[in-house]
Amino acid sequence: MQAPLLVSVAEGVVRLTLNRPKTKNALNPELVSQLGDALATSTNDKANRVIVITGAGGSFCSGADLLEDFQPKETDAALLEARLDRFQRLIRVIAEAPQVVIAEVDGPAVGFGADLALACDIRVLSENAYFQEKFVAIGLMPDGGASYFLPRLVGVGRALELLLTGRAVRAEEALALGLASEISSVEKLAECVEGWVQRFRAAPPLAVQRIKHAVRNSLSGDLSQALEREKQGQLRLLRSADLLEGVTAFREKRTPRFQGS
């Protein structure tokens, strides 16, 4: 039996491949558990600079596996909440990761699969990719952060349209709306993602972490709070070895070698 999740770690880059291609990488309990554990392990390792999440077989993720892991008549509140907590753990770990997390999206990213991609920092799409928040089609609402991410990416009005209709957003529209950082042909998707990976693998880890923290929290308060977050983050960075390396490299006209210290 094939592993539902493939994990590759090399030179500070973690690649997590959802590997249930026959179901378009639908999330069953085993895959949710393995992905959660792999994300936790990867984000806790300071040697890792970039995490890439992708899917096998021309699909990113078709959402929760409704055939294997769904009981419409389940009424036990505690069991339902525990199930949702396991799914939402994935979103929390991705959003709070100190590393840059890239979604490499080919084919469908539907339901919770769309939410997984939206939680990432960068989304690189093939021309065959599409997002679809399809929960409403079966009488549900998003439960993976779409009500948080979408309004911040595309505005309240467009977010409501996408969530209330459940329509698909194809790659070109996703790029125009700001849901994608770049799109490419299917054949060049991996190469395109690799360009982003190498850019962030060479980036200063402490600055990446502080920038992510400031931006992720920027819409939950006012300007004074945002400025205070920036001040505290900058004070830490001004005392870092990475800053010294960055300035030295600038003066010596060479590429900096950031160590995250």
C-alpha atoms as a PDB file:
ATOM      1  CA  MET A   1       0.000   0.000   0.000  1.00  0.00           C
ATOM      2  CA  GLN A   2       1.362   3.391  -0.957  1.00  0.00           C
ATOM      3  CA  ALA A   3       2.093   5.955   1.734  1.00  0.00           C
ATOM      4  CA  PRO A   4      -0.572   8.705   1.837  1.00  0.00           C
ATOM      5  CA  LEU A   5       2.109  11.336   2.416  1.00  0.00           C
ATOM      6  CA  LEU A   6       5.553  11.578   0.871  1.00  0.00           C
ATOM      7  CA  VAL A   7       8.157  13.565   2.805  1.00  0.00           C
ATOM      8  CA  SER A   8      11.433  14.793   1.370  1.00  0.00           C
ATOM      9  CA  VAL A   9      13.984  16.912   3.240  1.00  0.00           C
ATOM     10  CA  ALA A  10      17.126  18.251   1.583  1.00  0.00           C
ATOM     11  CA  GLU A  11      19.276  21.349   2.089  1.00  0.00           C
ATOM     12  CA  GLY A  12      16.756  23.150   4.267  1.00  0.00           C
ATOM     13  CA  VAL A  13      13.798  22.443   1.986  1.00  0.00           C
ATOM     14  CA  VAL A  14      10.910  20.204   3.053  1.00  0.00           C
ATOM     15  CA  ARG A  15       8.566  18.834   0.394  1.00  0.00           C
ATOM     16  CA  LEU A  16       5.284  17.321   1.527  1.00  0.00           C
ATOM     17  CA  THR A  17       3.361  15.519  -1.205  1.00  0.00           C
ATOM     18  CA  LEU A  18      -0.223  14.432  -0.637  1.00  0.00           C
ATOM     19  CA  ASN A  19      -0.212  10.981  -2.209  1.00  0.00           C
ATOM     20  CA  ARG A  20      -3.730   9.682  -2.728  1.00  0.00           C
ATOM     21  CA  PRO A  21      -4.016  10.409  -6.460  1.00  0.00           C
ATOM     22  CA  LYS A  22      -6.988   8.080  -7.043  1.00  0.00           C
ATOM     23  CA  THR A  23      -9.063  10.346  -4.770  1.00  0.00           C
ATOM     24  CA  LYS A  24      -7.435  13.562  -6.036  1.00  0.00           C
ATOM     25  CA  ASN A  25      -5.551  13.555  -2.723  1.00  0.00           C
ATOM     26  CA  ALA A  26      -8.648  13.701  -0.543  1.00  0.00           C
ATOM     27  CA  LEU A  27      -7.914  13.994   3.149  1.00  0.00           C
ATOM     28  CA  ASN A  28      -8.725  10.840   5.108  1.00  0.00           C
ATOM     29  CA  PRO A  29      -7.838  10.415   8.822  1.00  0.00           C
ATOM     30  CA  GLU A  30      -4.471   8.794   8.091  1.00  0.00           C
ATOM     31  CA  LEU A  31      -3.366  11.568   5.731  1.00  0.00           C
ATOM     32  CA  VAL A  32      -4.577  14.311   8.079  1.00  0.00           C
ATOM     33  CA  SER A  33      -2.640  12.750  10.961  1.00  0.00           C
ATOM     34  CA  GLN A  34       0.553  12.243   8.955  1.00  0.00           C
ATOM     35  CA  LEU A  35       0.416  15.709   7.411  1.00  0.00           C
ATOM     36  CA  GLY A  36      -0.134  17.314  10.819  1.00  0.00           C
ATOM     37  CA  ASP A  37       2.812  15.458  12.330  1.00  0.00           C
ATOM     38  CA  ALA A  38       5.078  16.204   9.351  1.00  0.00           C
ATOM     39  CA  LEU A  39       4.208  19.904   9.457  1.00  0.00           C
ATOM     40  CA  ALA A  40       4.841  20.103  13.201  1.00  0.00           C
ATOM     41  CA  THR A  41       8.203  18.358  12.866  1.00  0.00           C
ATOM     42  CA  SER A  42       9.224  20.465   9.872  1.00  0.00           C
ATOM     43  CA  THR A  43       8.277  23.833  11.351  1.00  0.00           C
ATOM     44  CA  ASN A  44      10.025  23.080  14.643  1.00  0.00           C
ATOM     45  CA  ASP A  45      13.355  22.374  12.933  1.00  0.00           C
ATOM     46  CA  LYS A  46      15.299  25.623  12.534  1.00  0.00           C
ATOM     47  CA  ALA A  47      17.443  24.052   9.827  1.00  0.00           C
ATOM     48  CA  ASN A  48      14.436  24.097   7.517  1.00  0.00           C
ATOM     49  CA  ARG A  49      14.024  27.303   5.503  1.00  0.00           C
ATOM     50  CA  VAL A  50      11.176  26.473   3.092  1.00  0.00           C
ATOM     51  CA  ILE A  51       8.242  24.053   3.145  1.00  0.00           C
ATOM     52  CA  VAL A  52       6.472  23.055  -0.084  1.00  0.00           C
ATOM     53  CA  ILE A  53       3.062  21.391  -0.014  1.00  0.00           C
ATOM     54  CA  THR A  54       1.868  19.727  -3.197  1.00  0.00           C
ATOM     55  CA  GLY A  55      -0.182  16.810  -4.451  1.00  0.00           C
ATOM     56  CA  ALA A  56       0.464  13.773  -6.619  1.00  0.00           C
ATOM     57  CA  GLY A  57      -1.200  12.839  -9.880  1.00  0.00           C
ATOM     58  CA  GLY A  58      -2.186  16.234 -11.235  1.00  0.00           C
ATOM     59  CA  SER A  59      -4.275  17.307  -8.251  1.00  0.00           C
ATOM     60  CA  PHE A  60      -3.514  19.392  -5.197  1.00  0.00           C
ATOM     61  CA  CYS A  61      -6.275  18.298  -2.807  1.00  0.00           C
ATOM     62  CA  SER A  62      -9.983  17.643  -3.278  1.00  0.00           C
ATOM     63  CA  GLY A  63     -10.781  18.303   0.390  1.00  0.00           C
ATOM     64  CA  ALA A  64     -12.066  15.928   3.031  1.00  0.00           C
ATOM     65  CA  ASP A  65     -12.675  12.362   1.871  1.00  0.00           C
ATOM     66  CA  LEU A  66     -16.472  12.217   1.937  1.00  0.00           C
ATOM     67  CA  LEU A  67     -16.495   8.530   1.029  1.00  0.00           C
ATOM     68  CA  GLU A  68     -14.096   7.330   3.717  1.00  0.00           C
ATOM     69  CA  ASP A  69     -14.319   9.897   6.500  1.00  0.00           C
ATOM     70  CA  PHE A  70     -17.793  11.348   6.592  1.00  0.00           C
ATOM     71  CA  GLN A  71     -20.871  10.310   8.544  1.00  0.00           C
ATOM     72  CA  PRO A  72     -23.802  12.628   7.742  1.00  0.00           C
ATOM     73  CA  LYS A  73     -25.799  11.307  10.687  1.00  0.00           C
ATOM     74  CA  GLU A  74     -23.014  11.716  13.232  1.00  0.00           C
ATOM     75  CA  THR A  75     -24.427  13.759  16.106  1.00  0.00           C
ATOM     76  CA  ASP A  76     -21.856  13.296  18.860  1.00  0.00           C
ATOM     77  CA  ALA A  77     -20.647  16.871  19.385  1.00  0.00           C
ATOM     78  CA  ALA A  78     -17.386  15.818  21.027  1.00  0.00           C
ATOM     79  CA  LEU A  79     -16.448  13.500  18.151  1.00  0.00           C
ATOM     80  CA  LEU A  80     -17.345  16.111  15.553  1.00  0.00           C
ATOM     81  CA  GLU A  81     -15.298  18.774  17.341  1.00  0.00           C
ATOM     82  CA  ALA A  82     -12.295  16.463  17.686  1.00  0.00           C
ATOM     83  CA  ARG A  83     -12.441  15.727  13.958  1.00  0.00           C
ATOM     84  CA  LEU A  84     -12.547  19.435  13.097  1.00  0.00           C
ATOM     85  CA  ASP A  85      -9.673  20.114  15.498  1.00  0.00           C
ATOM     86  CA  ARG A  86      -7.494  17.590  13.662  1.00  0.00           C
ATOM     87  CA  PHE A  87      -8.174  19.336  10.363  1.00  0.00           C
ATOM     88  CA  GLN A  88      -7.724  22.837  11.766  1.00  0.00           C
ATOM     89  CA  ARG A  89      -4.420  21.847  13.324  1.00  0.00           C
ATOM     90  CA  LEU A  90      -3.017  21.792   9.772  1.00  0.00           C
ATOM     91  CA  ILE A  91      -4.076  25.386   9.129  1.00  0.00           C
ATOM     92  CA  ARG A  92      -2.709  26.668  12.434  1.00  0.00           C
ATOM     93  CA  VAL A  93       0.709  25.057  11.924  1.00  0.00           C
ATOM     94  CA  ILE A  94       1.012  26.368   8.356  1.00  0.00           C
ATOM     95  CA  ALA A  95      -0.041  29.911   9.266  1.00  0.00           C
ATOM     96  CA  GLU A  96       2.233  30.050  12.317  1.00  0.00           C
ATOM     97  CA  ALA A  97       5.271  28.448  10.670  1.00  0.00           C
ATOM     98  CA  PRO A  98       8.458  30.536  10.932  1.00  0.00           C
ATOM     99  CA  GLN A  99       9.450  29.261   7.487  1.00  0.00           C
ATOM    100  CA  VAL A 100       8.021  30.312   4.140  1.00  0.00           C
ATOM    101  CA  VAL A 101       5.336  27.793   3.141  1.00  0.00           C
ATOM    102  CA  ILE A 102       4.632  27.401  -0.582  1.00  0.00           C
ATOM    103  CA  ALA A 103       1.598  25.688  -2.089  1.00  0.00           C
ATOM    104  CA  GLU A 104       2.420  24.065  -5.446  1.00  0.00           C
ATOM    105  CA  VAL A 105      -1.038  23.713  -6.968  1.00  0.00           C
ATOM    106  CA  ASP A 106      -1.820  21.594 -10.005  1.00  0.00           C
ATOM    107  CA  GLY A 107      -5.423  20.705 -10.738  1.00  0.00           C
ATOM    108  CA  PRO A 108      -8.149  21.032  -8.100  1.00  0.00           C
ATOM    109  CA  ALA A 109      -7.755  22.657  -4.698  1.00  0.00           C
ATOM    110  CA  VAL A 110     -11.296  22.171  -3.441  1.00  0.00           C
ATOM    111  CA  GLY A 111     -12.974  22.630  -0.071  1.00  0.00           C
ATOM    112  CA  PHE A 112     -10.446  22.077   2.683  1.00  0.00           C
ATOM    113  CA  GLY A 113      -7.866  21.627  -0.080  1.00  0.00           C
ATOM    114  CA  ALA A 114      -8.443  25.241  -1.074  1.00  0.00           C
ATOM    115  CA  ASP A 115      -8.105  26.242   2.574  1.00  0.00           C
ATOM    116  CA  LEU A 116      -4.742  24.451   2.808  1.00  0.00           C
ATOM    117  CA  ALA A 117      -3.463  26.475  -0.129  1.00  0.00           C
ATOM    118  CA  LEU A 118      -4.885  29.756   1.201  1.00  0.00           C
ATOM    119  CA  ALA A 119      -3.098  29.233   4.526  1.00  0.00           C
ATOM    120  CA  CYS A 120       0.272  29.111   2.741  1.00  0.00           C
ATOM    121  CA  ASP A 121       2.396  32.217   2.204  1.00  0.00           C
ATOM    122  CA  ILE A 122       2.943  31.728  -1.524  1.00  0.00           C
ATOM    123  CA  ARG A 123       0.715  29.936  -4.028  1.00  0.00           C
ATOM    124  CA  VAL A 124       2.183  28.885  -7.381  1.00  0.00           C
ATOM    125  CA  LEU A 125      -0.373  27.459  -9.807  1.00  0.00           C
ATOM    126  CA  SER A 126      -0.274  25.471 -13.003  1.00  0.00           C
ATOM    127  CA  GLU A 127      -2.544  26.578 -15.817  1.00  0.00           C
ATOM    128  CA  ASN A 128      -4.796  23.620 -14.912  1.00  0.00           C
ATOM    129  CA  ALA A 129      -5.175  24.651 -11.284  1.00  0.00           C
ATOM    130  CA  TYR A 130      -8.321  26.004  -9.699  1.00  0.00           C
ATOM    131  CA  PHE A 131      -9.660  26.904  -6.254  1.00  0.00           C
ATOM    132  CA  GLN A 132     -13.193  26.051  -5.221  1.00  0.00           C
ATOM    133  CA  GLU A 133     -14.751  26.649  -1.798  1.00  0.00           C
ATOM    134  CA  LYS A 134     -17.441  24.070  -2.443  1.00  0.00           C
ATOM    135  CA  PHE A 135     -18.741  23.617   1.117  1.00  0.00           C
ATOM    136  CA  VAL A 136     -22.042  25.377   0.417  1.00  0.00           C
ATOM    137  CA  ALA A 137     -22.904  22.804  -2.266  1.00  0.00           C
ATOM    138  CA  ILE A 138     -23.424  20.151   0.417  1.00  0.00           C
ATOM    139  CA  GLY A 139     -24.908  22.427   3.046  1.00  0.00           C
ATOM    140  CA  LEU A 140     -21.726  23.287   4.933  1.00  0.00           C
ATOM    141  CA  MET A 141     -19.527  26.327   5.557  1.00  0.00           C
ATOM    142  CA  PRO A 142     -15.729  26.591   5.338  1.00  0.00           C
ATOM    143  CA  ASP A 143     -13.876  25.239   8.360  1.00  0.00           C
ATOM    144  CA  GLY A 144     -10.248  25.695   7.316  1.00  0.00           C
ATOM    145  CA  GLY A 145      -9.873  29.454   7.599  1.00  0.00           C
ATOM    146  CA  ALA A 146     -11.401  30.580   4.293  1.00  0.00           C
ATOM    147  CA  SER A 147     -13.615  33.110   6.082  1.00  0.00           C
ATOM    148  CA  TYR A 148     -10.382  34.619   7.469  1.00  0.00           C
ATOM    149  CA  PHE A 149      -8.027  34.372   4.483  1.00  0.00           C
ATOM    150  CA  LEU A 150     -10.313  35.182   1.572  1.00  0.00           C
ATOM    151  CA  PRO A 151     -11.575  38.602   2.765  1.00  0.00           C
ATOM    152  CA  ARG A 152      -7.983  39.632   3.423  1.00  0.00           C
ATOM    153  CA  LEU A 153      -6.862  38.520  -0.025  1.00  0.00           C
ATOM    154  CA  VAL A 154      -9.758  39.564  -2.239  1.00  0.00           C
ATOM    155  CA  GLY A 155     -12.031  41.778  -0.110  1.00  0.00           C
ATOM    156  CA  VAL A 156     -15.273  41.072   1.703  1.00  0.00           C
ATOM    157  CA  GLY A 157     -17.582  41.353  -1.296  1.00  0.00           C
ATOM    158  CA  ARG A 158     -15.664  38.967  -3.533  1.00  0.00           C
ATOM    159  CA  ALA A 159     -15.040  36.582  -0.609  1.00  0.00           C
ATOM    160  CA  LEU A 160     -18.764  36.368   0.054  1.00  0.00           C
ATOM    161  CA  GLU A 161     -19.441  35.712  -3.624  1.00  0.00           C
ATOM    162  CA  LEU A 162     -16.923  32.872  -3.774  1.00  0.00           C
ATOM    163  CA  LEU A 163     -18.073  31.279  -0.523  1.00  0.00           C
ATOM    164  CA  LEU A 164     -21.805  31.654  -1.142  1.00  0.00           C
ATOM    165  CA  THR A 165     -21.726  30.355  -4.725  1.00  0.00           C
ATOM    166  CA  GLY A 166     -18.956  27.790  -4.360  1.00  0.00           C
ATOM    167  CA  ARG A 167     -17.845  28.494  -7.928  1.00  0.00           C
ATOM    168  CA  ALA A 168     -14.444  27.547  -9.253  1.00  0.00           C
ATOM    169  CA  VAL A 169     -11.705  30.152  -9.631  1.00  0.00           C
ATOM    170  CA  ARG A 170      -9.378  29.189 -12.461  1.00  0.00           C
ATOM    171  CA  ALA A 171      -5.679  29.972 -12.517  1.00  0.00           C
ATOM    172  CA  GLU A 172      -5.802  33.194 -14.545  1.00  0.00           C
ATOM    173  CA  GLU A 173      -8.570  34.657 -12.393  1.00  0.00           C
ATOM    174  CA  ALA A 174      -6.766  33.524  -9.230  1.00  0.00           C
ATOM    175  CA  LEU A 175      -3.695  35.459 -10.347  1.00  0.00           C
ATOM    176  CA  ALA A 176      -5.763  38.552 -11.132  1.00  0.00           C
ATOM    177  CA  LEU A 177      -7.505  38.386  -7.739  1.00  0.00           C
ATOM    178  CA  GLY A 178      -4.253  37.993  -5.813  1.00  0.00           C
ATOM    179  CA  LEU A 179      -4.868  34.364  -4.844  1.00  0.00           C
ATOM    180  CA  ALA A 180      -1.816  33.222  -6.794  1.00  0.00           C
ATOM    181  CA  SER A 181       1.738  34.533  -6.851  1.00  0.00           C
ATOM    182  CA  GLU A 182       2.523  33.024 -10.248  1.00  0.00           C
ATOM    183  CA  ILE A 183       1.113  30.593 -12.784  1.00  0.00           C
ATOM    184  CA  SER A 184       2.974  28.410 -15.241  1.00  0.00           C
ATOM    185  CA  SER A 185       2.445  25.550 -17.640  1.00  0.00           C
ATOM    186  CA  VAL A 186       2.000  22.117 -16.079  1.00  0.00           C
ATOM    187  CA  GLU A 187       5.335  21.041 -17.528  1.00  0.00           C
ATOM    188  CA  LYS A 188       7.229  23.935 -15.929  1.00  0.00           C
ATOM    189  CA  LEU A 189       5.383  24.077 -12.597  1.00  0.00           C
ATOM    190  CA  ALA A 190       8.093  22.286 -10.623  1.00  0.00           C
ATOM    191  CA  GLU A 191      10.770  24.500 -12.168  1.00  0.00           C
ATOM    192  CA  CYS A 192       8.750  27.607 -11.362  1.00  0.00           C
ATOM    193  CA  VAL A 193       8.303  26.545  -7.751  1.00  0.00           C
ATOM    194  CA  GLU A 194      12.008  25.775  -7.490  1.00  0.00           C
ATOM    195  CA  GLY A 195      12.771  29.395  -8.341  1.00  0.00           C
ATOM    196  CA  TRP A 196      10.679  30.536  -5.369  1.00  0.00           C
ATOM    197  CA  VAL A 197      12.242  27.880  -3.158  1.00  0.00           C
ATOM    198  CA  GLN A 198      15.780  29.006  -3.885  1.00  0.00           C
ATOM    199  CA  ARG A 199      14.845  32.648  -3.330  1.00  0.00           C
ATOM    200  CA  PHE A 200      13.498  31.933   0.136  1.00  0.00           C
ATOM    201  CA  ARG A 201      16.106  29.326   1.023  1.00  0.00           C
ATOM    202  CA  ALA A 202      18.672  32.126   0.794  1.00  0.00           C
ATOM    203  CA  ALA A 203      16.515  34.638   2.696  1.00  0.00           C
ATOM    204  CA  PRO A 204      17.322  35.708   6.302  1.00  0.00           C
ATOM    205  CA  PRO A 205      15.284  33.350   8.537  1.00  0.00           C
ATOM    206  CA  LEU A 206      14.810  35.769  11.431  1.00  0.00           C
ATOM    207  CA  ALA A 207      13.546  38.539   9.159  1.00  0.00           C
ATOM    208  CA  VAL A 208      11.189  36.108   7.386  1.00  0.00           C
ATOM    209  CA  GLN A 209       9.761  35.006  10.719  1.00  0.00           C
ATOM    210  CA  ARG A 210       9.247  38.565  11.973  1.00  0.00           C
ATOM    211  CA  ILE A 211       7.705  39.750   8.709  1.00  0.00           C
ATOM    212  CA  LYS A 212       5.263  36.848   8.710  1.00  0.00           C
ATOM    213  CA  HIS A 213       4.299  37.502  12.322  1.00  0.00           C
ATOM    214  CA  ALA A 214       3.716  41.202  11.701  1.00  0.00           C
ATOM    215  CA  VAL A 215       1.646  40.687   8.570  1.00  0.00           C
ATOM    216  CA  ARG A 216      -0.407  37.786   9.936  1.00  0.00           C
ATOM    217  CA  ASN A 217      -1.406  39.907  12.926  1.00  0.00           C
ATOM    218  CA  SER A 218      -1.720  43.258  11.176  1.00  0.00           C
ATOM    219  CA  LEU A 219      -5.469  43.152  10.607  1.00  0.00           C
ATOM    220  CA  SER A 220      -6.425  42.250  14.159  1.00  0.00           C
ATOM    221  CA  GLY A 221      -5.609  45.642  15.661  1.00  0.00           C
ATOM    222  CA  ASP A 222      -4.899  49.288  14.939  1.00  0.00           C
ATOM    223  CA  LEU A 223      -1.889  51.155  13.554  1.00  0.00           C
ATOM    224  CA  SER A 224      -0.312  51.638  16.980  1.00  0.00           C
ATOM    225  CA  GLN A 225      -0.312  47.896  17.566  1.00  0.00           C
ATOM    226  CA  ALA A 226       1.162  47.272  14.135  1.00  0.00           C
ATOM    227  CA  LEU A 227       3.921  49.793  14.765  1.00  0.00           C
ATOM    228  CA  GLU A 228       4.685  48.225  18.137  1.00  0.00           C
ATOM    229  CA  ARG A 229       4.985  44.759  16.536  1.00  0.00           C
ATOM    230  CA  GLU A 230       7.316  46.199  13.919  1.00  0.00           C
ATOM    231  CA  LYS A 231       9.398  47.986  16.555  1.00  0.00           C
ATOM    232  CA  GLN A 232       9.833  44.878  18.702  1.00  0.00           C
ATOM    233  CA  GLY A 233      10.657  42.760  15.687  1.00  0.00           C
ATOM    234  CA  GLN A 234      13.131  45.269  14.345  1.00  0.00           C
ATOM    235  CA  LEU A 235      14.872  45.620  17.724  1.00  0.00           C
ATOM    236  CA  ARG A 236      15.513  41.885  17.661  1.00  0.00           C
ATOM    237  CA  LEU A 237      16.794  41.989  14.090  1.00  0.00           C
ATOM    238  CA  LEU A 238      19.056  44.974  14.731  1.00  0.00           C
ATOM    239  CA  ARG A 239      20.940  42.830  17.246  1.00  0.00           C
ATOM    240  CA  SER A 240      21.228  39.801  14.955  1.00  0.00           C
ATOM    241  CA  ALA A 241      24.253  38.279  13.282  1.00  0.00           C
ATOM    242  CA  ASP A 242      22.190  38.119  10.096  1.00  0.00           C
ATOM    243  CA  LEU A 243      22.066  41.922   9.923  1.00  0.00           C
ATOM    244  CA  LEU A 244      25.853  42.120  10.269  1.00  0.00           C
ATOM    245  CA  GLU A 245      26.223  39.525   7.527  1.00  0.00           C
ATOM    246  CA  GLY A 246      23.743  41.339   5.293  1.00  0.00           C
ATOM    247  CA  VAL A 247      25.495  44.697   5.640  1.00  0.00           C
ATOM    248  CA  THR A 248      28.948  43.140   5.239  1.00  0.00           C
ATOM    249  CA  ALA A 249      27.851  41.290   2.109  1.00  0.00           C
ATOM    250  CA  PHE A 250      26.372  44.507   0.713  1.00  0.00           C
ATOM    251  CA  ARG A 251      29.648  46.352   1.259  1.00  0.00           C
ATOM    252  CA  GLU A 252      31.676  43.492  -0.210  1.00  0.00           C
ATOM    253  CA  LYS A 253      29.281  43.169  -3.156  1.00  0.00           C
ATOM    254  CA  ARG A 254      28.629  39.471  -2.577  1.00  0.00           C
ATOM    255  CA  THR A 255      25.630  37.257  -1.823  1.00  0.00           C
ATOM    256  CA  PRO A 256      24.901  37.136   1.929  1.00  0.00           C
ATOM    257  CA  ARG A 257      24.963  33.828   3.797  1.00  0.00           C
ATOM    258  CA  PHE A 258      22.287  34.109   6.453  1.00  0.00           C
ATOM    259  CA  GLN A 259      22.380  31.658   9.380  1.00  0.00           C
ATOM    260  CA  GLY A 260      19.273  32.631  11.317  1.00  0.00           C
ATOM    261  CA  SER A 261      21.108  33.986  14.327  1.00  0.00           C
END
